[in-house]
Amino acid sequence: MPNDNSGVVNRRRLLQLVGGTTVGLGLWPGAASARAFTFDGCETVRTDTDGNFAVVDTGDGYEGRELSSASRHDTPWSHDQTFCYTAADGEKVVGFIEENRYRGTCEGDSCTLHVNPNDCTVVGAREILERLDGDTVGICDSVIEPACNPSLPQADWVDFARTYVNERNASAQSLVQTADRGFALTGWRETANGEQDVYLVVTDGDGNVTFSRTYGGEQTEVAYDIVETSDGGFALAGLTTSFGAGDYDAWLVTTDQAGDIVFTETYGDDKRDRAKAVVQTADGGFALGGDTISDDTGSSDFWLVKTDETGDEEFSRTYGGELSETANAMVQTSDGGFALAGTTLSFGSGGNDFWLLKTDEEGNKEFAEAFGGEGLEVASSLVQTSDGGFALAGSTTSFDQGGGDFWLVKTDETGNEEFTRTYGGDELDLADAVVQTDERGFVLAGFTESFGVESSDIFLVTTNAIGETMSERTYGGCGDDRARSLVQTADCGYALAVEVVGQGRDRASEIALVKTVADLR
């Protein structure tokens, strides 16, 4: 009987998508040779990279045209390097050939044809390639992809969707609705040297950008969580490799209302430390939740750091066993303590299980509970519920229908399981966020490969108070779309921080904001 490795593959892939059981960045790299390109109707194509070709319909067939250096004009990239081709009389620009190895000519499997999405041709990509004059472009016959517009489509339950196009990769990790009913999103944006900076985008209530800022040094900085502070500024938590003492350290950045830095602080030693969540505490200070490498075991432990209002550390606590514990979420509880959620290898079934840990206000452990089966469970999000209990959301391969399902675990105030529910199909479905509704039900958001029309789409599930499905919705464009964070808005709708990646990841990843209609059911 053949060996079935599908479960191993599913677990490995799920770990890659959530950052793994050990402390790792878990970033999605960009793979494109051309970092960006745009079409203007059927007349013009522009790119920021040399060595590529426009494909034109001459009326008698299809030919390649080299792009000439041009001044920057109405492009989504901020640097001045631009290459452009404008159709001559009788021509239409029907596509763009990306030469993946910068060799100047397309040979064999080294290039990609992106078809102009502006209805400039009545034939498909394969027919264009079959009829393409090889003398004008070389041989390009192995990779065919439609041009992927990073904008998101309309839907009757979507109030608006905004994509914030950058010249390089960017990723949304968290968002909040601000006091003025706008939004603030954070994550990371790629730098010119291929590293990452913390990225902050602040919008009005319609998703129009008010301002954006980047924060960082010469290496990598990533923000995983954001809160609006009591003075109207922001606090962002994540990791840094440019500052601090270790391989990477937890990083706290606070800003004023305009996004200007008030202070930054690093936390950690000479190993690997990161903050995945931040709250502002009642005393004006901050609490950061994440994970750190243990001096005793060399594996990662849950980690809680409490600071004063200027970022000076007041206490630091670690929690874990002999193996790895990785924290992905934290909340301050109604009694002034803290609750952290993530994964454990030390406790539970012995595999990767959900792990919920509760402390008092001084960080002393009150209880910890593991949830899971023989497969892989990864908790990505946590809320304290209106009855004093907790709801954890993430993914499971122990109780799924296929490659991994959304998994919701509801507990009482002492961590005892009340119910669990799975949502999904035959492929991988991963929940990144959960909120409790005013009706005491739940909304979960992430991505699905089981449903939708492309390789992965946003997946939004609403439930009643006992986790029974009320509705399931998929949403996305022509590439890979993933909801990373979710908040309920003042009008009883929802806002999602979304990562949009072009078809086949040949385009840069972008940050997007999706706002649903009010009173979504």
Protein backbone atom coordinates (compact mmCIF):
# COMPACT_ATOMS: atom_id res chain seq x y z
CA MET A 1 0.00 0.00 0.00
CA PRO A 2 1.52 3.40 -0.91
CA ASN A 3 2.61 5.69 1.86
CA ASP A 4 0.13 8.59 2.30
CA ASN A 5 2.04 11.72 3.28
CA SER A 6 -0.89 14.11 2.76
CA GLY A 7 -1.33 14.75 6.49
CA VAL A 8 2.35 15.57 6.89
CA VAL A 9 2.22 17.92 3.91
CA ASN A 10 -0.92 19.64 5.21
CA ARG A 11 0.61 20.17 8.65
CA ARG A 12 3.85 21.47 7.20
CA ARG A 13 2.02 23.91 4.92
CA LEU A 14 -0.23 25.15 7.72
CA LEU A 15 2.85 25.80 9.87
CA GLN A 16 4.45 27.76 7.05
CA LEU A 17 1.37 29.96 6.70
CA VAL A 18 1.08 30.78 10.42
CA GLY A 19 4.78 31.16 11.13
CA GLY A 20 5.56 27.70 12.52
CA THR A 21 5.90 26.23 15.98
CA THR A 22 9.24 27.89 16.55
CA VAL A 23 9.96 31.58 16.56
CA GLY A 24 10.15 32.67 12.93
CA LEU A 25 9.17 35.64 10.83
CA GLY A 26 6.74 33.74 8.61
CA LEU A 27 6.79 36.44 5.90
CA TRP A 28 5.54 35.94 2.36
CA PRO A 29 8.41 36.80 0.02
CA GLY A 30 7.85 38.38 -3.35
CA ALA A 31 8.99 36.36 -6.34
CA ALA A 32 8.59 38.75 -9.26
CA SER A 33 11.34 39.94 -11.53
CA ALA A 34 9.25 42.97 -12.42
CA ARG A 35 8.22 44.44 -9.09
CA ALA A 36 5.28 46.26 -10.66
CA PHE A 37 3.60 46.89 -14.00
CA THR A 38 0.48 48.72 -15.11
CA PHE A 39 -1.67 48.89 -18.24
CA ASP A 40 -3.37 52.08 -19.40
CA GLY A 41 -6.29 50.97 -21.55
CA CYS A 42 -5.04 49.23 -24.68
CA GLU A 43 -2.45 51.90 -25.42
CA THR A 44 0.33 51.69 -22.82
CA VAL A 45 2.15 49.34 -20.48
CA ARG A 46 4.67 50.50 -17.88
CA THR A 47 6.99 48.57 -15.59
CA ASP A 48 9.76 49.38 -13.14
CA THR A 49 12.18 46.73 -14.48
CA ASP A 50 14.24 46.58 -17.66
CA GLY A 51 14.43 43.55 -19.98
CA ASN A 52 10.72 42.92 -20.51
CA PHE A 53 8.40 43.16 -23.51
CA ALA A 54 5.04 44.62 -24.48
CA VAL A 55 2.93 42.33 -26.66
CA VAL A 56 0.99 44.16 -29.33
CA ASP A 57 -1.73 43.20 -31.79
CA THR A 58 -0.65 44.68 -35.12
CA GLY A 59 -3.80 43.62 -36.94
CA ASP A 60 -1.86 40.91 -38.75
CA GLY A 61 -0.59 39.05 -35.69
CA TYR A 62 1.18 39.50 -32.37
CA GLU A 63 4.65 40.94 -31.90
CA GLY A 64 6.90 41.84 -29.01
CA ARG A 65 8.12 45.35 -28.36
CA GLU A 66 10.95 46.34 -26.08
CA LEU A 67 10.05 48.91 -23.42
CA SER A 68 11.99 52.15 -23.46
CA SER A 69 13.20 54.07 -20.45
CA ALA A 70 10.68 56.75 -19.55
CA SER A 71 9.92 59.32 -16.89
CA ARG A 72 7.68 58.27 -14.03
CA HIS A 73 4.02 58.84 -14.90
CA ASP A 74 0.99 57.78 -12.89
CA THR A 75 2.54 54.57 -11.57
CA PRO A 76 2.19 52.88 -8.19
CA TRP A 77 5.91 52.83 -7.48
CA SER A 78 7.69 55.72 -5.83
CA HIS A 79 11.11 55.43 -7.48
CA ASP A 80 11.97 57.05 -10.82
CA GLN A 81 12.90 53.93 -12.81
CA THR A 82 10.17 53.38 -15.38
CA PHE A 83 10.07 51.57 -18.73
CA CYS A 84 7.20 52.18 -21.08
CA TYR A 85 5.73 51.15 -24.41
CA THR A 86 2.95 53.14 -26.10
CA ALA A 87 1.14 51.54 -29.00
CA ALA A 88 1.72 52.93 -32.47
CA ASP A 89 -1.15 53.66 -34.84
CA GLY A 90 -2.99 50.46 -35.64
CA GLU A 91 -1.58 48.61 -32.62
CA LYS A 92 -3.13 47.51 -29.34
CA VAL A 93 -1.19 46.49 -26.24
CA VAL A 94 -2.63 43.08 -25.40
CA GLY A 95 -0.10 41.86 -22.85
CA PHE A 96 3.19 42.11 -21.02
CA ILE A 97 5.96 39.51 -21.11
CA GLU A 98 7.99 39.41 -17.93
CA GLU A 99 11.51 38.06 -18.48
CA ASN A 100 12.13 36.35 -15.17
CA ARG A 101 15.90 36.15 -15.27
CA TYR A 102 16.77 39.60 -16.64
CA ARG A 103 18.41 38.00 -19.68
CA GLY A 104 16.92 40.46 -22.13
CA THR A 105 15.34 37.70 -24.25
CA CYS A 106 12.76 35.09 -23.42
CA GLU A 107 14.08 31.56 -23.64
CA GLY A 108 12.17 28.40 -22.79
CA ASP A 109 10.60 28.47 -19.36
CA SER A 110 12.02 31.80 -18.25
CA CYS A 111 9.15 34.15 -18.97
CA THR A 112 5.54 34.89 -18.11
CA LEU A 113 2.82 36.37 -20.30
CA HIS A 114 0.38 38.62 -18.43
CA VAL A 115 -2.70 39.38 -20.55
CA ASN A 116 -4.02 42.93 -20.50
CA PRO A 117 -7.23 42.83 -18.42
CA ASN A 118 -8.79 45.79 -20.26
CA ASP A 119 -10.64 43.74 -22.94
CA CYS A 120 -8.00 44.44 -25.57
CA THR A 121 -8.10 41.03 -27.19
CA VAL A 122 -10.76 38.47 -28.08
CA VAL A 123 -8.37 35.51 -27.92
CA GLY A 124 -6.78 33.78 -24.94
CA ALA A 125 -3.22 33.78 -23.71
CA ARG A 126 -2.32 30.47 -25.37
CA GLU A 127 -3.46 31.68 -28.78
CA ILE A 128 -1.47 34.87 -28.33
CA LEU A 129 1.65 32.81 -27.61
CA GLU A 130 0.98 30.45 -30.51
CA ARG A 131 0.74 33.39 -32.91
CA LEU A 132 3.50 35.49 -31.35
CA ASP A 133 6.32 36.42 -33.74
CA GLY A 134 9.35 34.78 -32.11
CA ASP A 135 11.77 37.04 -33.99
CA THR A 136 10.51 40.01 -31.97
CA VAL A 137 10.59 38.45 -28.51
CA GLY A 138 12.27 35.03 -28.53
CA ILE A 139 10.59 31.87 -27.27
CA CYS A 140 7.99 32.11 -24.49
CA ASP A 141 5.77 29.08 -24.18
CA SER A 142 5.82 27.72 -20.66
CA VAL A 143 4.13 30.07 -18.18
CA ILE A 144 0.85 31.85 -18.88
CA GLU A 145 -0.85 34.06 -16.33
CA PRO A 146 -3.55 36.72 -16.60
CA ALA A 147 -2.54 40.16 -15.46
CA CYS A 148 -3.70 40.52 -11.89
CA ASN A 149 -5.21 43.82 -10.86
CA PRO A 150 -4.72 44.10 -7.08
CA SER A 151 -8.06 45.86 -6.61
CA LEU A 152 -10.82 43.84 -4.97
CA PRO A 153 -14.26 43.32 -6.58
CA GLN A 154 -17.65 44.64 -5.58
CA ALA A 155 -20.05 42.51 -3.53
CA ASP A 156 -23.49 43.21 -2.12
CA TRP A 157 -22.28 42.73 1.47
CA VAL A 158 -19.12 44.84 1.02
CA ASP A 159 -19.46 48.54 1.80
CA PHE A 160 -16.06 49.34 0.32
CA ALA A 161 -12.70 47.72 -0.42
CA ARG A 162 -9.50 49.74 -0.70
CA THR A 163 -6.13 48.39 -1.88
CA TYR A 164 -3.10 50.46 -0.93
CA VAL A 165 -0.65 49.83 -3.76
CA ASN A 166 3.07 50.05 -3.04
CA GLU A 167 6.11 49.74 -5.23
CA ARG A 168 7.19 46.74 -3.15
CA ASN A 169 5.68 43.96 -1.08
CA ALA A 170 3.55 44.95 1.91
CA SER A 171 1.50 42.90 4.35
CA ALA A 172 -1.33 43.78 6.73
CA GLN A 173 -1.24 42.08 10.13
CA SER A 174 -3.66 44.04 12.34
CA LEU A 175 -6.14 46.92 12.37
CA VAL A 176 -8.26 49.02 14.73
CA GLN A 177 -11.16 51.38 14.21
CA THR A 178 -10.14 54.77 15.51
CA ALA A 179 -12.14 57.10 17.74
CA ASP A 180 -13.11 59.24 14.72
CA ARG A 181 -14.45 56.07 12.99
CA GLY A 182 -11.51 55.84 10.64
CA PHE A 183 -9.09 52.92 10.57
CA ALA A 184 -5.44 52.22 11.30
CA LEU A 185 -3.70 49.22 9.75
CA THR A 186 -0.22 47.95 10.47
CA GLY A 187 2.14 45.25 9.26
CA TRP A 188 5.27 45.58 7.17
CA ARG A 189 6.49 47.00 3.89
CA GLU A 190 9.52 45.88 1.93
CA THR A 191 12.46 48.30 1.75
CA ALA A 192 14.72 49.07 -1.19
CA ASN A 193 17.33 46.59 0.07
CA GLY A 194 14.84 43.75 0.45
CA GLU A 195 14.31 44.01 4.21
CA GLN A 196 11.05 45.00 5.96
CA ASP A 197 9.95 48.11 7.85
CA VAL A 198 6.97 48.48 10.16
CA TYR A 199 4.18 50.06 8.11
CA LEU A 200 1.29 52.18 9.43
CA VAL A 201 -1.65 53.28 7.25
CA VAL A 202 -4.31 55.55 8.77
CA THR A 203 -7.54 56.22 6.87
CA ASP A 204 -10.82 58.06 7.21
CA GLY A 205 -14.12 56.24 7.62
CA ASP A 206 -14.33 55.55 3.88
CA GLY A 207 -10.88 54.00 3.70
CA ASN A 208 -9.18 57.01 2.09
CA VAL A 209 -5.59 57.36 3.30
CA THR A 210 -5.02 60.17 5.80
CA PHE A 211 -1.34 59.37 6.19
CA SER A 212 1.10 56.47 6.14
CA ARG A 213 4.42 55.98 7.91
CA THR A 214 7.25 53.47 8.01
CA TYR A 215 9.49 52.77 11.00
CA GLY A 216 12.69 50.80 11.06
CA GLY A 217 16.42 50.54 10.61
CA GLU A 218 18.75 48.81 8.18
CA GLN A 219 17.38 45.32 8.73
CA THR A 220 13.93 43.83 9.39
CA GLU A 221 11.09 45.26 11.48
CA VAL A 222 7.56 43.82 11.52
CA ALA A 223 4.44 44.93 13.43
CA TYR A 224 1.91 42.27 14.37
CA ASP A 225 -0.56 44.31 16.42
CA ILE A 226 -1.80 47.86 16.93
CA VAL A 227 -3.93 49.77 19.46
CA GLU A 228 -5.11 53.36 19.53
CA THR A 229 -3.77 54.96 22.69
CA SER A 230 -5.71 57.11 25.14
CA ASP A 231 -4.14 60.29 23.70
CA GLY A 232 -5.24 59.46 20.14
CA GLY A 233 -1.88 58.11 19.02
CA PHE A 234 -0.92 54.51 18.32
CA ALA A 235 1.10 51.71 19.86
CA LEU A 236 2.51 49.04 17.56
CA ALA A 237 4.17 45.81 18.68
CA GLY A 238 6.28 43.35 16.75
CA LEU A 239 9.93 42.53 16.29
CA THR A 240 13.17 44.16 15.21
CA THR A 241 16.49 42.87 13.93
CA SER A 242 17.99 46.37 13.58
CA PHE A 243 17.86 47.31 17.25
CA GLY A 244 18.15 45.57 20.61
CA ALA A 245 20.39 42.84 21.93
CA GLY A 246 19.47 39.65 20.15
CA ASP A 247 18.90 37.79 16.91
CA TYR A 248 15.66 39.68 17.00
CA ASP A 249 13.92 41.46 19.85
CA ALA A 250 10.38 42.51 20.69
CA TRP A 251 9.77 46.08 19.56
CA LEU A 252 7.27 48.63 20.85
CA VAL A 253 6.65 51.79 18.82
CA THR A 254 4.36 54.55 20.10
CA THR A 255 3.31 57.52 17.98
CA ASP A 256 1.25 60.67 18.25
CA GLN A 257 -1.93 61.31 16.25
CA ALA A 258 0.08 62.21 13.16
CA GLY A 259 2.16 59.04 13.27
CA ASP A 260 5.32 60.74 14.52
CA ILE A 261 7.29 58.59 16.94
CA VAL A 262 6.90 59.34 20.66
CA PHE A 263 9.22 56.54 21.77
CA THR A 264 10.45 53.08 20.81
CA GLU A 265 11.72 50.34 23.10
CA THR A 266 13.17 46.88 22.60
CA TYR A 267 12.71 43.93 24.95
CA GLY A 268 14.63 40.68 25.09
CA ASP A 269 18.09 39.21 25.41
CA ASP A 270 20.63 37.87 22.94
CA LYS A 271 18.29 35.19 21.58
CA ARG A 272 14.99 35.53 19.68
CA ASP A 273 12.09 37.46 21.14
CA ARG A 274 8.96 38.83 19.52
CA ALA A 275 5.73 40.57 20.53
CA LYS A 276 2.58 39.38 18.76
CA ALA A 277 0.05 41.50 20.70
CA VAL A 278 -0.17 44.77 22.64
CA VAL A 279 -2.73 46.40 24.93
CA GLN A 280 -2.67 49.72 26.75
CA THR A 281 -3.34 49.09 30.41
CA ALA A 282 -5.48 51.17 32.78
CA ASP A 283 -2.38 52.80 34.30
CA GLY A 284 -1.33 54.19 30.89
CA GLY A 285 1.38 51.60 30.42
CA PHE A 286 1.47 48.69 27.99
CA ALA A 287 1.45 44.92 28.04
CA LEU A 288 3.04 42.88 25.27
CA GLY A 289 2.35 39.21 24.61
CA GLY A 290 4.54 36.99 22.50
CA ASP A 291 7.23 34.39 22.82
CA THR A 292 10.90 34.14 23.75
CA ILE A 293 13.61 31.50 23.68
CA SER A 294 14.03 29.89 27.10
CA ASP A 295 17.48 29.85 28.73
CA ASP A 296 16.63 26.49 30.31
CA THR A 297 15.33 24.51 27.34
CA GLY A 298 16.42 26.43 24.25
CA SER A 299 12.81 26.26 23.05
CA SER A 300 10.25 29.06 22.83
CA ASP A 301 7.94 29.98 25.73
CA PHE A 302 4.91 32.23 26.04
CA TRP A 303 6.13 35.67 27.15
CA LEU A 304 4.38 38.58 28.89
CA VAL A 305 6.03 41.99 29.34
CA LYS A 306 4.45 44.85 31.31
CA THR A 307 5.76 48.42 30.91
CA ASP A 308 4.99 51.86 32.28
CA GLU A 309 3.68 54.70 30.12
CA THR A 310 7.18 55.47 28.77
CA GLY A 311 7.97 51.89 27.83
CA ASP A 312 10.21 51.06 30.80
CA GLU A 313 9.83 47.41 31.73
CA GLU A 314 7.99 46.72 35.00
CA PHE A 315 7.99 42.93 34.83
CA SER A 316 8.58 40.07 32.44
CA ARG A 317 7.16 36.54 32.76
CA THR A 318 7.61 33.34 30.73
CA TYR A 319 5.40 30.27 30.62
CA GLY A 320 6.04 26.91 29.05
CA GLY A 321 7.37 23.38 29.25
CA GLU A 322 10.28 21.40 27.89
CA LEU A 323 9.25 21.87 24.26
CA SER A 324 8.03 24.89 22.28
CA GLU A 325 5.12 27.20 23.06
CA THR A 326 4.34 29.96 20.55
CA ALA A 327 1.95 32.80 21.46
CA ASN A 328 -0.09 34.48 18.73
CA ALA A 329 -2.67 36.53 20.66
CA MET A 330 -3.25 38.26 24.00
CA VAL A 331 -6.05 40.20 25.70
CA GLN A 332 -6.33 42.01 29.01
CA THR A 333 -9.13 40.40 30.99
CA SER A 334 -11.98 42.03 32.88
CA ASP A 335 -10.24 41.36 36.24
CA GLY A 336 -7.10 43.23 35.16
CA GLY A 337 -5.12 40.10 34.35
CA PHE A 338 -4.06 38.77 30.96
CA ALA A 339 -4.85 35.81 28.72
CA LEU A 340 -2.55 34.50 25.98
CA ALA A 341 -3.30 31.99 23.23
CA GLY A 342 -1.18 30.11 20.74
CA THR A 343 0.24 26.62 20.36
CA THR A 344 1.96 24.12 22.62
CA LEU A 345 4.12 21.08 22.03
CA SER A 346 4.75 20.47 25.75
CA PHE A 347 1.18 19.91 26.89
CA GLY A 348 -2.04 18.38 25.60
CA SER A 349 -2.00 15.59 23.05
CA GLY A 350 1.72 15.85 22.38
CA GLY A 351 1.34 17.41 18.96
CA ASN A 352 0.64 21.03 18.20
CA ASP A 353 -2.40 21.99 20.31
CA PHE A 354 -4.23 25.21 21.10
CA TRP A 355 -2.91 26.59 24.39
CA LEU A 356 -4.78 29.10 26.56
CA LEU A 357 -2.99 30.64 29.55
CA LYS A 358 -4.51 33.06 32.09
CA THR A 359 -2.57 35.29 34.55
CA ASP A 360 -3.38 37.82 37.23
CA GLU A 361 -2.45 41.49 36.82
CA GLU A 362 1.12 40.79 38.04
CA GLY A 363 1.61 38.07 35.46
CA ASN A 364 1.30 35.16 37.87
CA LYS A 365 -0.13 32.11 36.15
CA GLU A 366 -3.68 31.21 37.21
CA PHE A 367 -4.43 28.37 34.78
CA ALA A 368 -3.48 26.91 31.41
CA GLU A 369 -5.44 24.55 29.20
CA ALA A 370 -4.60 22.70 25.97
CA PHE A 371 -7.11 21.73 23.25
CA GLY A 372 -6.51 19.46 20.30
CA GLY A 373 -6.20 16.02 18.83
CA GLU A 374 -3.68 13.88 17.03
CA GLY A 375 -3.10 16.39 14.24
CA LEU A 376 -2.04 20.02 14.23
CA GLU A 377 -3.92 22.85 15.94
CA VAL A 378 -2.77 26.49 15.74
CA ALA A 379 -4.62 29.21 17.69
CA SER A 380 -4.28 32.57 15.95
CA SER A 381 -6.82 34.78 17.74
CA LEU A 382 -8.40 35.19 21.17
CA VAL A 383 -11.25 37.19 22.73
CA GLN A 384 -12.72 37.27 26.20
CA THR A 385 -16.45 36.69 25.86
CA SER A 386 -19.28 38.58 27.51
CA ASP A 387 -19.82 35.73 30.02
CA GLY A 388 -16.20 35.96 31.24
CA GLY A 389 -15.04 32.95 29.25
CA PHE A 390 -12.84 32.84 26.17
CA ALA A 391 -13.09 32.08 22.45
CA LEU A 392 -10.03 30.90 20.52
CA ALA A 393 -9.90 30.66 16.74
CA GLY A 394 -7.37 29.11 14.42
CA SER A 395 -7.08 25.93 12.42
CA THR A 396 -7.14 22.18 12.96
CA THR A 397 -6.05 19.11 11.04
CA SER A 398 -7.33 16.74 13.76
CA PHE A 399 -11.03 17.40 13.23
CA ASP A 400 -11.07 18.79 9.69
CA GLN A 401 -12.67 17.60 6.46
CA GLY A 402 -9.53 17.96 4.36
CA GLY A 403 -6.35 20.00 4.43
CA GLY A 404 -7.24 21.95 7.59
CA ASP A 405 -10.35 23.78 8.80
CA PHE A 406 -11.28 26.86 10.77
CA TRP A 407 -11.55 25.82 14.42
CA LEU A 408 -13.44 27.67 17.16
CA VAL A 409 -13.01 26.69 20.82
CA LYS A 410 -15.25 28.26 23.48
CA THR A 411 -14.37 27.96 27.20
CA ASP A 412 -15.76 29.13 30.51
CA GLU A 413 -13.92 31.65 32.74
CA THR A 414 -11.55 28.96 34.08
CA GLY A 415 -10.64 27.50 30.71
CA ASN A 416 -12.95 24.51 30.70
CA GLU A 417 -14.10 23.62 27.20
CA GLU A 418 -17.77 24.38 26.48
CA PHE A 419 -17.86 23.58 22.77
CA THR A 420 -15.74 23.38 19.63
CA ARG A 421 -16.77 23.84 15.99
CA THR A 422 -15.05 23.40 12.63
CA TYR A 423 -15.82 25.30 9.41
CA GLY A 424 -14.43 24.60 5.96
CA GLY A 425 -14.18 22.17 3.09
CA ASP A 426 -11.84 19.65 1.51
CA GLU A 427 -8.82 21.95 1.18
CA LEU A 428 -6.93 24.24 3.57
CA ASP A 429 -9.02 26.82 5.47
CA LEU A 430 -7.21 28.91 8.09
CA ALA A 431 -8.79 31.35 10.58
CA ASP A 432 -6.69 34.35 11.55
CA ALA A 433 -9.22 36.37 13.57
CA VAL A 434 -12.36 36.12 15.70
CA VAL A 435 -14.70 38.63 17.35
CA GLN A 436 -17.81 38.15 19.47
CA THR A 437 -20.95 39.85 18.15
CA ASP A 438 -23.48 41.89 20.09
CA GLU A 439 -25.79 38.86 19.91
CA ARG A 440 -23.06 36.74 21.59
CA GLY A 441 -22.35 34.88 18.38
CA PHE A 442 -18.99 34.92 16.62
CA VAL A 443 -17.44 36.08 13.36
CA LEU A 444 -14.28 34.36 12.11
CA ALA A 445 -12.11 35.54 9.23
CA GLY A 446 -9.13 34.12 7.37
CA PHE A 447 -8.78 32.42 4.02
CA THR A 448 -10.13 29.41 2.18
CA GLU A 449 -8.80 27.17 -0.55
CA SER A 450 -11.94 25.01 -0.40
CA PHE A 451 -14.35 27.62 -1.72
CA GLY A 452 -14.17 30.74 -3.87
CA VAL A 453 -12.89 31.05 -7.42
CA GLU A 454 -9.14 31.50 -7.08
CA SER A 455 -6.31 29.73 -5.28
CA SER A 456 -7.28 31.34 -1.98
CA ASP A 457 -9.99 33.83 -1.03
CA ILE A 458 -11.10 35.61 2.11
CA PHE A 459 -13.41 33.39 4.16
CA LEU A 460 -15.87 35.01 6.57
CA VAL A 461 -18.01 32.83 8.86
CA THR A 462 -20.76 34.08 11.20
CA THR A 463 -22.22 31.88 13.95
CA ASN A 464 -24.77 31.96 16.71
CA ALA A 465 -23.90 31.83 20.42
CA ILE A 466 -23.15 28.11 20.36
CA GLY A 467 -21.04 28.22 17.22
CA GLU A 468 -23.62 26.98 14.74
CA THR A 469 -23.05 28.44 11.28
CA MET A 470 -25.30 31.34 10.33
CA SER A 471 -23.53 32.33 7.11
CA GLU A 472 -20.36 31.69 5.12
CA ARG A 473 -18.97 34.15 2.60
CA THR A 474 -15.97 34.10 0.27
CA TYR A 475 -14.48 37.19 -1.29
CA GLY A 476 -11.42 38.04 -3.34
CA GLY A 477 -9.84 39.06 -6.59
CA CYS A 478 -7.69 37.28 -9.13
CA GLY A 479 -4.90 36.24 -6.76
CA ASP A 480 -4.43 35.04 -3.19
CA ASP A 481 -6.42 37.04 -0.63
CA ARG A 482 -6.26 36.58 3.13
CA ALA A 483 -7.99 38.39 6.01
CA ARG A 484 -5.37 38.84 8.73
CA SER A 485 -7.36 40.84 11.28
CA LEU A 486 -10.99 41.66 12.03
CA VAL A 487 -12.85 44.24 14.13
CA GLN A 488 -16.52 45.01 14.64
CA THR A 489 -17.22 48.60 13.61
CA ALA A 490 -19.36 51.27 15.26
CA ASP A 491 -22.19 50.69 12.75
CA CYS A 492 -22.26 46.95 13.61
CA GLY A 493 -20.47 46.01 10.41
CA TYR A 494 -16.95 44.57 10.25
CA ALA A 495 -13.59 45.74 8.96
CA LEU A 496 -10.89 43.37 7.75
CA ALA A 497 -7.18 43.96 7.28
CA VAL A 498 -6.39 42.01 4.14
CA GLU A 499 -3.29 40.79 2.35
CA VAL A 500 -3.69 40.71 -1.44
CA VAL A 501 -1.16 38.76 -3.49
CA GLY A 502 -1.17 38.72 -7.27
CA GLN A 503 -1.85 35.62 -9.33
CA GLY A 504 0.78 32.99 -8.66
CA ARG A 505 2.53 35.52 -6.41
CA ASP A 506 4.14 37.05 -9.50
CA ARG A 507 2.90 40.42 -8.30
CA ALA A 508 3.78 42.14 -5.08
CA SER A 509 1.61 41.57 -2.03
CA GLU A 510 -0.47 44.58 -1.03
CA ILE A 511 -2.35 45.82 2.02
CA ALA A 512 -6.11 46.18 1.65
CA LEU A 513 -9.01 47.29 3.87
CA VAL A 514 -12.43 45.69 3.44
CA LYS A 515 -15.46 47.15 5.21
CA THR A 516 -18.74 45.22 5.27
CA VAL A 517 -22.21 46.68 5.33
CA ALA A 518 -23.83 47.45 8.69
CA ASP A 519 -25.72 44.73 10.53
CA LEU A 520 -24.15 41.95 8.52
CA ARG A 521 -25.99 38.69 9.07
